[in-house]
Amino acid sequence: MKKQITLKRLVIVLIFAIFVFNYIKQEVTIKRIKEDIVNSQEQLDELKSKNSKLEADLIKAGSNEYFEEQARKRLGMIKEGEKVVNSQKQN
């Protein structure tokens, strides 16, 4: 009789331990998933910001002012009637 009670207690304790273990495991998994969601949201926000900047650059790149600006910077071109002033740095 006493052996049966001890065996029942052991089974109950084991079942309880399994439930506790599974609960803790689920809580850890939920915490990790929430952290992943936060990280993914931060990455999404960064990418949206970058995308907006690229869209603005694309619109700007299609304008005549942009082509003129790039021709001046990269090719050293000037408009008719403009004078070129070269400045040299003194050491």
PDB file of N, CA and C in Angstrom:
ATOM      1  N   MET A   1       0.815  -1.188   0.000  1.00  0.00           N
ATOM      2  CA  MET A   1       0.000   0.000   0.000  1.00  0.00           C
ATOM      3  C   MET A   1       0.863   1.257   0.000  1.00  0.00           C
ATOM      4  N   LYS A   2       1.876   1.266   0.857  1.00  0.00           N
ATOM      5  CA  LYS A   2       2.746   2.425   0.947  1.00  0.00           C
ATOM      6  C   LYS A   2       3.544   2.576  -0.341  1.00  0.00           C
ATOM      7  N   LYS A   3       3.895   1.459  -0.943  1.00  0.00           N
ATOM      8  CA  LYS A   3       4.647   1.480  -2.192  1.00  0.00           C
ATOM      9  C   LYS A   3       3.802   2.096  -3.304  1.00  0.00           C
ATOM     10  N   GLN A   4       2.505   1.815  -3.312  1.00  0.00           N
ATOM     11  CA  GLN A   4       1.605   2.362  -4.312  1.00  0.00           C
ATOM     12  C   GLN A   4       1.501   3.878  -4.170  1.00  0.00           C
ATOM     13  N   ILE A   5       1.409   4.383  -2.969  1.00  0.00           N
ATOM     14  CA  ILE A   5       1.316   5.825  -2.725  1.00  0.00           C
ATOM     15  C   ILE A   5       2.604   6.504  -3.173  1.00  0.00           C
ATOM     16  N   THR A   6       3.733   5.913  -2.878  1.00  0.00           N
ATOM     17  CA  THR A   6       5.013   6.477  -3.287  1.00  0.00           C
ATOM     18  C   THR A   6       5.124   6.489  -4.805  1.00  0.00           C
ATOM     19  N   LEU A   7       4.688   5.437  -5.454  1.00  0.00           N
ATOM     20  CA  LEU A   7       4.723   5.367  -6.911  1.00  0.00           C
ATOM     21  C   LEU A   7       3.796   6.420  -7.522  1.00  0.00           C
ATOM     22  N   LYS A   8       2.604   6.599  -6.945  1.00  0.00           N
ATOM     23  CA  LYS A   8       1.680   7.622  -7.431  1.00  0.00           C
ATOM     24  C   LYS A   8       2.292   9.017  -7.280  1.00  0.00           C
ATOM     25  N   ARG A   9       2.914   9.271  -6.145  1.00  0.00           N
ATOM     26  CA  ARG A   9       3.557  10.572  -5.922  1.00  0.00           C
ATOM     27  C   ARG A   9       4.671  10.802  -6.938  1.00  0.00           C
ATOM     28  N   LEU A  10       5.437   9.772  -7.198  1.00  0.00           N
ATOM     29  CA  LEU A  10       6.534   9.884  -8.160  1.00  0.00           C
ATOM     30  C   LEU A  10       5.996  10.206  -9.548  1.00  0.00           C
ATOM     31  N   VAL A  11       4.931   9.525  -9.941  1.00  0.00           N
ATOM     32  CA  VAL A  11       4.319   9.779 -11.248  1.00  0.00           C
ATOM     33  C   VAL A  11       3.776  11.208 -11.299  1.00  0.00           C
ATOM     34  N   ILE A  12       3.118  11.641 -10.254  1.00  0.00           N
ATOM     35  CA  ILE A  12       2.571  13.005 -10.211  1.00  0.00           C
ATOM     36  C   ILE A  12       3.697  14.035 -10.283  1.00  0.00           C
ATOM     37  N   VAL A  13       4.762  13.810  -9.554  1.00  0.00           N
ATOM     38  CA  VAL A  13       5.902  14.733  -9.574  1.00  0.00           C
ATOM     39  C   VAL A  13       6.531  14.761 -10.961  1.00  0.00           C
ATOM     40  N   LEU A  14       6.673  13.613 -11.602  1.00  0.00           N
ATOM     41  CA  LEU A  14       7.243  13.567 -12.950  1.00  0.00           C
ATOM     42  C   LEU A  14       6.355  14.309 -13.952  1.00  0.00           C
ATOM     43  N   ILE A  15       5.060  14.091 -13.873  1.00  0.00           N
ATOM     44  CA  ILE A  15       4.137  14.788 -14.776  1.00  0.00           C
ATOM     45  C   ILE A  15       4.214  16.297 -14.538  1.00  0.00           C
ATOM     46  N   PHE A  16       4.227  16.698 -13.279  1.00  0.00           N
ATOM     47  CA  PHE A  16       4.341  18.118 -12.949  1.00  0.00           C
ATOM     48  C   PHE A  16       5.656  18.689 -13.477  1.00  0.00           C
ATOM     49  N   ALA A  17       6.747  17.953 -13.325  1.00  0.00           N
ATOM     50  CA  ALA A  17       8.053  18.407 -13.811  1.00  0.00           C
ATOM     51  C   ALA A  17       8.041  18.567 -15.330  1.00  0.00           C
ATOM     52  N   ILE A  18       7.393  17.649 -16.017  1.00  0.00           N
ATOM     53  CA  ILE A  18       7.294  17.744 -17.480  1.00  0.00           C
ATOM     54  C   ILE A  18       6.510  18.991 -17.871  1.00  0.00           C
ATOM     55  N   PHE A  19       5.400  19.258 -17.181  1.00  0.00           N
ATOM     56  CA  PHE A  19       4.621  20.465 -17.475  1.00  0.00           C
ATOM     57  C   PHE A  19       5.437  21.731 -17.226  1.00  0.00           C
ATOM     58  N   VAL A  20       6.145  21.769 -16.123  1.00  0.00           N
ATOM     59  CA  VAL A  20       6.975  22.943 -15.807  1.00  0.00           C
ATOM     60  C   VAL A  20       8.064  23.119 -16.856  1.00  0.00           C
ATOM     61  N   PHE A  21       8.717  22.037 -17.227  1.00  0.00           N
ATOM     62  CA  PHE A  21       9.776  22.110 -18.240  1.00  0.00           C
ATOM     63  C   PHE A  21       9.229  22.638 -19.562  1.00  0.00           C
ATOM     64  N   ASN A  22       8.090  22.108 -19.993  1.00  0.00           N
ATOM     65  CA  ASN A  22       7.480  22.559 -21.250  1.00  0.00           C
ATOM     66  C   ASN A  22       7.051  24.018 -21.175  1.00  0.00           C
ATOM     67  N   TYR A  23       6.536  24.436 -20.033  1.00  0.00           N
ATOM     68  CA  TYR A  23       6.131  25.833 -19.860  1.00  0.00           C
ATOM     69  C   TYR A  23       7.340  26.764 -19.984  1.00  0.00           C
ATOM     70  N   ILE A  24       8.420  26.422 -19.314  1.00  0.00           N
ATOM     71  CA  ILE A  24       9.632  27.246 -19.377  1.00  0.00           C
ATOM     72  C   ILE A  24      10.177  27.274 -20.801  1.00  0.00           C
ATOM     73  N   LYS A  25      10.165  26.135 -21.454  1.00  0.00           N
ATOM     74  CA  LYS A  25      10.646  26.057 -22.838  1.00  0.00           C
ATOM     75  C   LYS A  25       9.810  26.960 -23.748  1.00  0.00           C
ATOM     76  N   GLN A  26       8.502  26.954 -23.569  1.00  0.00           N
ATOM     77  CA  GLN A  26       7.623  27.802 -24.375  1.00  0.00           C
ATOM     78  C   GLN A  26       7.870  29.284 -24.090  1.00  0.00           C
ATOM     79  N   GLU A  27       8.074  29.629 -22.838  1.00  0.00           N
ATOM     80  CA  GLU A  27       8.336  31.029 -22.486  1.00  0.00           C
ATOM     81  C   GLU A  27       9.635  31.521 -23.127  1.00  0.00           C
ATOM     82  N   VAL A  28      10.657  30.689 -23.116  1.00  0.00           N
ATOM     83  CA  VAL A  28      11.929  31.054 -23.747  1.00  0.00           C
ATOM     84  C   VAL A  28      11.736  31.228 -25.249  1.00  0.00           C
ATOM     85  N   THR A  29      10.986  30.331 -25.855  1.00  0.00           N
ATOM     86  CA  THR A  29      10.721  30.418 -27.294  1.00  0.00           C
ATOM     87  C   THR A  29       9.936  31.686 -27.624  1.00  0.00           C
ATOM     88  N   ILE A  30       8.936  31.997 -26.834  1.00  0.00           N
ATOM     89  CA  ILE A  30       8.137  33.205 -27.058  1.00  0.00           C
ATOM     90  C   ILE A  30       9.005  34.451 -26.927  1.00  0.00           C
ATOM     91  N   LYS A  31       9.864  34.483 -25.926  1.00  0.00           N
ATOM     92  CA  LYS A  31      10.754  35.634 -25.734  1.00  0.00           C
ATOM     93  C   LYS A  31      11.678  35.802 -26.940  1.00  0.00           C
ATOM     94  N   ARG A  32      12.234  34.708 -27.431  1.00  0.00           N
ATOM     95  CA  ARG A  32      13.131  34.764 -28.590  1.00  0.00           C
ATOM     96  C   ARG A  32      12.384  35.252 -29.828  1.00  0.00           C
ATOM     97  N   ILE A  33      11.180  34.765 -30.013  1.00  0.00           N
ATOM     98  CA  ILE A  33      10.383  35.181 -31.172  1.00  0.00           C
ATOM     99  C   ILE A  33      10.046  36.669 -31.080  1.00  0.00           C
ATOM    100  N   LYS A  34       9.699  37.154 -29.891  1.00  0.00           N
ATOM    101  CA  LYS A  34       9.416  38.584 -29.722  1.00  0.00           C
ATOM    102  C   LYS A  34      10.650  39.426 -30.032  1.00  0.00           C
ATOM    103  N   GLU A  35      11.824  38.971 -29.596  1.00  0.00           N
ATOM    104  CA  GLU A  35      13.061  39.689 -29.909  1.00  0.00           C
ATOM    105  C   GLU A  35      13.315  39.688 -31.413  1.00  0.00           C
ATOM    106  N   ASP A  36      13.050  38.567 -32.061  1.00  0.00           N
ATOM    107  CA  ASP A  36      13.204  38.493 -33.520  1.00  0.00           C
ATOM    108  C   ASP A  36      12.258  39.466 -34.219  1.00  0.00           C
ATOM    109  N   ILE A  37      11.044  39.576 -33.702  1.00  0.00           N
ATOM    110  CA  ILE A  37      10.071  40.500 -34.293  1.00  0.00           C
ATOM    111  C   ILE A  37      10.559  41.939 -34.149  1.00  0.00           C
ATOM    112  N   VAL A  38      11.066  42.289 -32.980  1.00  0.00           N
ATOM    113  CA  VAL A  38      11.576  43.650 -32.761  1.00  0.00           C
ATOM    114  C   VAL A  38      12.743  43.933 -33.698  1.00  0.00           C
ATOM    115  N   ASN A  39      13.676  42.987 -33.809  1.00  0.00           N
ATOM    116  CA  ASN A  39      14.823  43.173 -34.703  1.00  0.00           C
ATOM    117  C   ASN A  39      14.375  43.291 -36.153  1.00  0.00           C
ATOM    118  N   SER A  40      13.431  42.474 -36.544  1.00  0.00           N
ATOM    119  CA  SER A  40      12.927  42.529 -37.919  1.00  0.00           C
ATOM    120  C   SER A  40      12.225  43.853 -38.191  1.00  0.00           C
ATOM    121  N   GLN A  41      11.495  44.353 -37.208  1.00  0.00           N
ATOM    122  CA  GLN A  41      10.811  45.637 -37.374  1.00  0.00           C
ATOM    123  C   GLN A  41      11.824  46.771 -37.518  1.00  0.00           C
ATOM    124  N   GLU A  42      12.907  46.718 -36.738  1.00  0.00           N
ATOM    125  CA  GLU A  42      13.953  47.738 -36.852  1.00  0.00           C
ATOM    126  C   GLU A  42      14.599  47.688 -38.235  1.00  0.00           C
ATOM    127  N   GLN A  43      14.875  46.490 -38.717  1.00  0.00           N
ATOM    128  CA  GLN A  43      15.451  46.348 -40.057  1.00  0.00           C
ATOM    129  C   GLN A  43      14.483  46.854 -41.114  1.00  0.00           C
ATOM    130  N   LEU A  44      13.201  46.561 -40.944  1.00  0.00           N
ATOM    131  CA  LEU A  44      12.189  47.026 -41.889  1.00  0.00           C
ATOM    132  C   LEU A  44      12.140  48.552 -41.918  1.00  0.00           C
ATOM    133  N   ASP A  45      12.187  49.175 -40.749  1.00  0.00           N
ATOM    134  CA  ASP A  45      12.167  50.637 -40.685  1.00  0.00           C
ATOM    135  C   ASP A  45      13.386  51.233 -41.378  1.00  0.00           C
ATOM    136  N   GLU A  46      14.563  50.634 -41.152  1.00  0.00           N
ATOM    137  CA  GLU A  46      15.783  51.109 -41.805  1.00  0.00           C
ATOM    138  C   GLU A  46      15.678  50.964 -43.324  1.00  0.00           C
ATOM    139  N   LEU A  47      15.167  49.832 -43.770  1.00  0.00           N
ATOM    140  CA  LEU A  47      15.043  49.602 -45.209  1.00  0.00           C
ATOM    141  C   LEU A  47      14.008  50.529 -45.844  1.00  0.00           C
ATOM    142  N   LYS A  48      12.928  50.814 -45.128  1.00  0.00           N
ATOM    143  CA  LYS A  48      11.932  51.755 -45.649  1.00  0.00           C
ATOM    144  C   LYS A  48      12.544  53.143 -45.796  1.00  0.00           C
ATOM    145  N   SER A  49      13.332  53.543 -44.808  1.00  0.00           N
ATOM    146  CA  SER A  49      13.993  54.846 -44.867  1.00  0.00           C
ATOM    147  C   SER A  49      14.963  54.901 -46.039  1.00  0.00           C
ATOM    148  N   LYS A  50      15.742  53.841 -46.193  1.00  0.00           N
ATOM    149  CA  LYS A  50      16.699  53.776 -47.300  1.00  0.00           C
ATOM    150  C   LYS A  50      15.965  53.778 -48.640  1.00  0.00           C
ATOM    151  N   ASN A  51      14.860  53.064 -48.713  1.00  0.00           N
ATOM    152  CA  ASN A  51      14.070  53.006 -49.938  1.00  0.00           C
ATOM    153  C   ASN A  51      13.520  54.387 -50.296  1.00  0.00           C
ATOM    154  N   SER A  52      13.037  55.114 -49.302  1.00  0.00           N
ATOM    155  CA  SER A  52      12.524  56.465 -49.546  1.00  0.00           C
ATOM    156  C   SER A  52      13.619  57.371 -50.084  1.00  0.00           C
ATOM    157  N   LYS A  53      14.817  57.262 -49.502  1.00  0.00           N
ATOM    158  CA  LYS A  53      15.943  58.073 -49.962  1.00  0.00           C
ATOM    159  C   LYS A  53      16.311  57.709 -51.398  1.00  0.00           C
ATOM    160  N   LEU A  54      16.323  56.423 -51.698  1.00  0.00           N
ATOM    161  CA  LEU A  54      16.655  55.990 -53.054  1.00  0.00           C
ATOM    162  C   LEU A  54      15.596  56.444 -54.062  1.00  0.00           C
ATOM    163  N   GLU A  55      14.337  56.411 -53.665  1.00  0.00           N
ATOM    164  CA  GLU A  55      13.280  56.895 -54.557  1.00  0.00           C
ATOM    165  C   GLU A  55      13.442  58.386 -54.829  1.00  0.00           C
ATOM    166  N   ALA A  56      13.794  59.150 -53.789  1.00  0.00           N
ATOM    167  CA  ALA A  56      14.018  60.587 -53.969  1.00  0.00           C
ATOM    168  C   ALA A  56      15.219  60.822 -54.883  1.00  0.00           C
ATOM    169  N   ASP A  57      16.284  60.031 -54.694  1.00  0.00           N
ATOM    170  CA  ASP A  57      17.465  60.150 -55.557  1.00  0.00           C
ATOM    171  C   ASP A  57      17.124  59.790 -56.999  1.00  0.00           C
ATOM    172  N   LEU A  58      16.276  58.807 -57.186  1.00  0.00           N
ATOM    173  CA  LEU A  58      15.880  58.390 -58.531  1.00  0.00           C
ATOM    174  C   LEU A  58      15.094  59.497 -59.233  1.00  0.00           C
ATOM    175  N   ILE A  59      14.202  60.125 -58.506  1.00  0.00           N
ATOM    176  CA  ILE A  59      13.443  61.240 -59.082  1.00  0.00           C
ATOM    177  C   ILE A  59      14.388  62.383 -59.436  1.00  0.00           C
ATOM    178  N   LYS A  60      15.322  62.662 -58.520  1.00  0.00           N
ATOM    179  CA  LYS A  60      16.292  63.732 -58.758  1.00  0.00           C
ATOM    180  C   LYS A  60      17.172  63.396 -59.957  1.00  0.00           C
ATOM    181  N   ALA A  61      17.554  62.134 -60.093  1.00  0.00           N
ATOM    182  CA  ALA A  61      18.452  61.721 -61.181  1.00  0.00           C
ATOM    183  C   ALA A  61      17.796  61.881 -62.547  1.00  0.00           C
ATOM    184  N   GLY A  62      16.495  61.910 -62.603  1.00  0.00           N
ATOM    185  CA  GLY A  62      15.805  62.068 -63.871  1.00  0.00           C
ATOM    186  C   GLY A  62      15.644  63.522 -64.297  1.00  0.00           C
ATOM    187  N   SER A  63      16.078  64.448 -63.459  1.00  0.00           N
ATOM    188  CA  SER A  63      15.882  65.863 -63.781  1.00  0.00           C
ATOM    189  C   SER A  63      17.080  66.432 -64.533  1.00  0.00           C
ATOM    190  N   ASN A  64      16.831  67.486 -65.299  1.00  0.00           N
ATOM    191  CA  ASN A  64      17.903  68.159 -66.045  1.00  0.00           C
ATOM    192  C   ASN A  64      18.913  68.810 -65.102  1.00  0.00           C
ATOM    193  N   GLU A  65      18.440  69.313 -63.964  1.00  0.00           N
ATOM    194  CA  GLU A  65      19.345  69.951 -63.010  1.00  0.00           C
ATOM    195  C   GLU A  65      20.396  68.958 -62.514  1.00  0.00           C
ATOM    196  N   TYR A  66      19.983  67.731 -62.303  1.00  0.00           N
ATOM    197  CA  TYR A  66      20.921  66.710 -61.829  1.00  0.00           C
ATOM    198  C   TYR A  66      21.996  66.442 -62.882  1.00  0.00           C
ATOM    199  N   PHE A  67      21.574  66.302 -64.150  1.00  0.00           N
ATOM    200  CA  PHE A  67      22.556  66.058 -65.214  1.00  0.00           C
ATOM    201  C   PHE A  67      23.528  67.223 -65.327  1.00  0.00           C
ATOM    202  N   GLU A  68      23.004  68.433 -65.205  1.00  0.00           N
ATOM    203  CA  GLU A  68      23.860  69.611 -65.278  1.00  0.00           C
ATOM    204  C   GLU A  68      24.849  69.635 -64.110  1.00  0.00           C
ATOM    205  N   GLU A  69      24.361  69.339 -62.921  1.00  0.00           N
ATOM    206  CA  GLU A  69      25.216  69.315 -61.728  1.00  0.00           C
ATOM    207  C   GLU A  69      26.325  68.271 -61.873  1.00  0.00           C
ATOM    208  N   GLN A  70      25.972  67.086 -62.358  1.00  0.00           N
ATOM    209  CA  GLN A  70      26.969  66.030 -62.527  1.00  0.00           C
ATOM    210  C   GLN A  70      27.973  66.387 -63.615  1.00  0.00           C
ATOM    211  N   ALA A  71      27.520  67.020 -64.690  1.00  0.00           N
ATOM    212  CA  ALA A  71      28.434  67.435 -65.757  1.00  0.00           C
ATOM    213  C   ALA A  71      29.420  68.464 -65.228  1.00  0.00           C
ATOM    214  N   ARG A  72      28.976  69.355 -64.379  1.00  0.00           N
ATOM    215  CA  ARG A  72      29.867  70.355 -63.792  1.00  0.00           C
ATOM    216  C   ARG A  72      30.875  69.693 -62.848  1.00  0.00           C
ATOM    217  N   LYS A  73      30.392  68.812 -61.971  1.00  0.00           N
ATOM    218  CA  LYS A  73      31.267  68.192 -60.974  1.00  0.00           C
ATOM    219  C   LYS A  73      32.260  67.217 -61.605  1.00  0.00           C
ATOM    220  N   ARG A  74      31.773  66.319 -62.406  1.00  0.00           N
ATOM    221  CA  ARG A  74      32.613  65.222 -62.899  1.00  0.00           C
ATOM    222  C   ARG A  74      33.393  65.568 -64.156  1.00  0.00           C
ATOM    223  N   LEU A  75      32.805  66.367 -65.024  1.00  0.00           N
ATOM    224  CA  LEU A  75      33.445  66.643 -66.311  1.00  0.00           C
ATOM    225  C   LEU A  75      34.019  68.052 -66.398  1.00  0.00           C
ATOM    226  N   GLY A  76      33.747  68.880 -65.408  1.00  0.00           N
ATOM    227  CA  GLY A  76      34.275  70.235 -65.407  1.00  0.00           C
ATOM    228  C   GLY A  76      33.635  71.119 -66.459  1.00  0.00           C
ATOM    229  N   MET A  77      32.446  70.822 -66.868  1.00  0.00           N
ATOM    230  CA  MET A  77      31.772  71.605 -67.902  1.00  0.00           C
ATOM    231  C   MET A  77      31.223  72.900 -67.303  1.00  0.00           C
ATOM    232  N   ILE A  78      31.068  73.905 -68.172  1.00  0.00           N
ATOM    233  CA  ILE A  78      30.530  75.188 -67.744  1.00  0.00           C
ATOM    234  C   ILE A  78      29.465  75.637 -68.730  1.00  0.00           C
ATOM    235  N   LYS A  79      28.634  76.579 -68.290  1.00  0.00           N
ATOM    236  CA  LYS A  79      27.614  77.149 -69.164  1.00  0.00           C
ATOM    237  C   LYS A  79      28.251  78.235 -70.019  1.00  0.00           C
ATOM    238  N   GLU A  80      27.588  78.567 -71.105  1.00  0.00           N
ATOM    239  CA  GLU A  80      28.068  79.653 -71.951  1.00  0.00           C
ATOM    240  C   GLU A  80      28.032  80.947 -71.150  1.00  0.00           C
ATOM    241  N   GLY A  81      29.104  81.725 -71.279  1.00  0.00           N
ATOM    242  CA  GLY A  81      29.176  83.009 -70.606  1.00  0.00           C
ATOM    243  C   GLY A  81      29.752  82.931 -69.204  1.00  0.00           C
ATOM    244  N   GLU A  82      29.943  81.750 -68.657  1.00  0.00           N
ATOM    245  CA  GLU A  82      30.531  81.619 -67.323  1.00  0.00           C
ATOM    246  C   GLU A  82      32.041  81.671 -67.425  1.00  0.00           C
ATOM    247  N   LYS A  83      32.662  82.156 -66.379  1.00  0.00           N
ATOM    248  CA  LYS A  83      34.118  82.198 -66.319  1.00  0.00           C
ATOM    249  C   LYS A  83      34.581  81.156 -65.308  1.00  0.00           C
ATOM    250  N   VAL A  84      35.687  80.510 -65.620  1.00  0.00           N
ATOM    251  CA  VAL A  84      36.242  79.488 -64.742  1.00  0.00           C
ATOM    252  C   VAL A  84      37.270  80.141 -63.839  1.00  0.00           C
ATOM    253  N   VAL A  85      37.163  79.889 -62.556  1.00  0.00           N
ATOM    254  CA  VAL A  85      38.120  80.403 -61.588  1.00  0.00           C
ATOM    255  C   VAL A  85      38.762  79.198 -60.924  1.00  0.00           C
ATOM    256  N   ASN A  86      40.075  79.091 -61.064  1.00  0.00           N
ATOM    257  CA  ASN A  86      40.812  78.000 -60.429  1.00  0.00           C
ATOM    258  C   ASN A  86      41.455  78.532 -59.163  1.00  0.00           C
ATOM    259  N   SER A  87      41.237  77.864 -58.091  1.00  0.00           N
ATOM    260  CA  SER A  87      41.890  78.255 -56.844  1.00  0.00           C
ATOM    261  C   SER A  87      42.832  77.134 -56.446  1.00  0.00           C
ATOM    262  N   GLN A  88      44.039  77.527 -56.095  1.00  0.00           N
ATOM    263  CA  GLN A  88      45.028  76.537 -55.682  1.00  0.00           C
ATOM    264  C   GLN A  88      45.263  76.681 -54.192  1.00  0.00           C
ATOM    265  N   LYS A  89      45.361  75.559 -53.533  1.00  0.00           N
ATOM    266  CA  LYS A  89      45.602  75.575 -52.096  1.00  0.00           C
ATOM    267  C   LYS A  89      47.067  75.885 -51.845  1.00  0.00           C
ATOM    268  N   GLN A  90      47.308  76.722 -50.846  1.00  0.00           N
ATOM    269  CA  GLN A  90      48.683  77.043 -50.481  1.00  0.00           C
ATOM    270  C   GLN A  90      49.097  76.144 -49.332  1.00  0.00           C
ATOM    271  N   ASN A  91      50.309  75.614 -49.413  1.00  0.00           N
ATOM    272  CA  ASN A  91      50.801  74.728 -48.356  1.00  0.00           C
ATOM    273  C   ASN A  91      51.469  75.497 -47.278  1.00  0.00           C
TER     274      ASN A  91
END
